[in-house]
C-alpha atoms as a PDB file:
ATOM      1  CA  MET A   1      22.482 -22.377  30.064  1.00  0.00           C
ATOM      2  CA  GLU A   2      24.206 -19.253  28.693  1.00  0.00           C
ATOM      3  CA  THR A   3      24.499 -16.001  30.537  1.00  0.00           C
ATOM      4  CA  LEU A   4      22.440 -13.044  29.412  1.00  0.00           C
ATOM      5  CA  ASN A   5      25.693 -11.269  28.502  1.00  0.00           C
ATOM      6  CA  ASN A   6      26.567 -14.142  26.094  1.00  0.00           C
ATOM      7  CA  ILE A   7      23.006 -14.380  24.678  1.00  0.00           C
ATOM      8  CA  LEU A   8      22.983 -10.603  23.998  1.00  0.00           C
ATOM      9  CA  ALA A   9      26.543 -10.864  22.435  1.00  0.00           C
ATOM     10  CA  THR A  10      25.461 -13.745  20.151  1.00  0.00           C
ATOM     11  CA  ASN A  11      22.260 -12.285  19.178  1.00  0.00           C
ATOM     12  CA  LEU A  12      23.686  -8.978  18.253  1.00  0.00           C
ATOM     13  CA  ARG A  13      26.443 -10.494  16.147  1.00  0.00           C
ATOM     14  CA  VAL A  14      23.774 -12.696  14.375  1.00  0.00           C
ATOM     15  CA  ALA A  15      21.401  -9.696  13.845  1.00  0.00           C
ATOM     16  CA  MET A  16      24.211  -7.655  12.368  1.00  0.00           C
ATOM     17  CA  ALA A  17      25.339 -10.417  10.146  1.00  0.00           C
ATOM     18  CA  LYS A  18      21.743 -10.687   8.774  1.00  0.00           C
ATOM     19  CA  GLU A  19      21.449  -6.992   8.123  1.00  0.00           C
ATOM     20  CA  ASN A  20      25.153  -6.949   6.826  1.00  0.00           C
ATOM     21  CA  ILE A  21      26.045  -3.949   9.051  1.00  0.00           C
ATOM     22  CA  THR A  22      29.308  -3.341  10.672  1.00  0.00           C
ATOM     23  CA  THR A  23      30.149  -1.927  14.015  1.00  0.00           C
ATOM     24  CA  THR A  24      31.271   1.355  12.461  1.00  0.00           C
ATOM     25  CA  LYS A  25      28.142   1.667  10.277  1.00  0.00           C
ATOM     26  CA  LEU A  26      25.877   0.898  13.240  1.00  0.00           C
ATOM     27  CA  HIS A  27      27.665   3.406  15.279  1.00  0.00           C
ATOM     28  CA  LEU A  28      27.317   6.011  12.573  1.00  0.00           C
ATOM     29  CA  ILE A  29      23.559   5.416  12.124  1.00  0.00           C
ATOM     30  CA  THR A  30      22.722   5.133  15.835  1.00  0.00           C
ATOM     31  CA  GLY A  31      25.194   7.478  17.503  1.00  0.00           C
ATOM     32  CA  VAL A  32      25.983   4.674  20.034  1.00  0.00           C
ATOM     33  CA  SER A  33      29.825   4.565  20.603  1.00  0.00           C
ATOM     34  CA  ARG A  34      31.873   2.023  18.729  1.00  0.00           C
ATOM     35  CA  SER A  35      33.255   0.821  22.037  1.00  0.00           C
ATOM     36  CA  SER A  36      29.912   0.244  23.540  1.00  0.00           C
ATOM     37  CA  ILE A  37      28.773  -1.767  20.462  1.00  0.00           C
ATOM     38  CA  THR A  38      32.048  -3.736  20.552  1.00  0.00           C
ATOM     39  CA  GLU A  39      31.611  -4.627  24.290  1.00  0.00           C
ATOM     40  CA  TYR A  40      28.001  -5.717  23.554  1.00  0.00           C
ATOM     41  CA  ARG A  41      29.298  -7.872  20.807  1.00  0.00           C
ATOM     42  CA  LYS A  42      31.919  -9.402  23.048  1.00  0.00           C
ATOM     43  CA  GLY A  43      29.621  -9.908  25.897  1.00  0.00           C
ATOM     44  CA  ASN A  44      31.640  -7.601  28.202  1.00  0.00           C
ATOM     45  CA  ILE A  45      28.639  -5.796  29.605  1.00  0.00           C
ATOM     46  CA  LYS A  46      28.396  -4.455  33.208  1.00  0.00           C
ATOM     47  CA  GLN A  47      25.452  -2.242  32.539  1.00  0.00           C
ATOM     48  CA  VAL A  48      23.071  -2.225  29.657  1.00  0.00           C
ATOM     49  CA  ASN A  49      21.732   1.102  28.249  1.00  0.00           C
ATOM     50  CA  LEU A  50      18.285   0.408  27.179  1.00  0.00           C
ATOM     51  CA  GLU A  51      18.204   3.570  25.137  1.00  0.00           C
ATOM     52  CA  SER A  52      21.235   2.343  23.070  1.00  0.00           C
ATOM     53  CA  LEU A  53      19.800  -1.187  22.635  1.00  0.00           C
ATOM     54  CA  SER A  54      16.588   0.488  21.394  1.00  0.00           C
ATOM     55  CA  LYS A  55      18.437   2.419  18.732  1.00  0.00           C
ATOM     56  CA  ILE A  56      20.431  -0.621  17.807  1.00  0.00           C
ATOM     57  CA  SER A  57      17.457  -2.927  17.500  1.00  0.00           C
ATOM     58  CA  GLU A  58      15.535  -0.375  15.364  1.00  0.00           C
ATOM     59  CA  VAL A  59      18.371  -0.344  12.727  1.00  0.00           C
ATOM     60  CA  LEU A  60      18.667  -4.166  12.859  1.00  0.00           C
ATOM     61  CA  ASN A  61      14.906  -4.526  12.430  1.00  0.00           C
ATOM     62  CA  ILE A  62      14.283  -6.468  15.569  1.00  0.00           C
ATOM     63  CA  LYS A  63      12.846  -5.764  18.973  1.00  0.00           C
ATOM     64  CA  PRO A  64      15.158  -4.951  21.841  1.00  0.00           C
ATOM     65  CA  SER A  65      13.805  -7.981  23.781  1.00  0.00           C
ATOM     66  CA  ASP A  66      14.930 -10.239  20.766  1.00  0.00           C
ATOM     67  CA  LEU A  67      18.466  -9.648  21.884  1.00  0.00           C
ATOM     68  CA  PHE A  68      17.810 -11.477  25.246  1.00  0.00           C
ATOM     69  CA  ILE A  69      16.099 -14.511  23.741  1.00  0.00           C
ATOM     70  CA  GLU A  70      18.296 -17.720  23.731  1.00  0.00           C
ATOM     71  CA  GLY A  71      18.491 -19.147  20.203  1.00  0.00           C
ATOM     72  CA  ASP A  72      17.860 -17.538  16.822  1.00  0.00           C
ATOM     73  CA  SER A  73      14.085 -16.870  17.122  1.00  0.00           C
ATOM     74  CA  TYR A  74      13.700 -13.722  15.092  1.00  0.00           C
END
């Protein structure tokens, strides 16, 4: 079983690829720092900012909870 950090990282990368959006573009649209997005994508997360994930999810046309579901379910 994968850790939540790895699940979040994988799902974020997949969702960004599906929407064809880069880290820089996601940063510019959401206002979430590039470094935070990069850390989420790598799974190097010590603390999750739910407001940031909500902004990211909205741009990626998914629910924030989708980022924590193991497997490509959205």
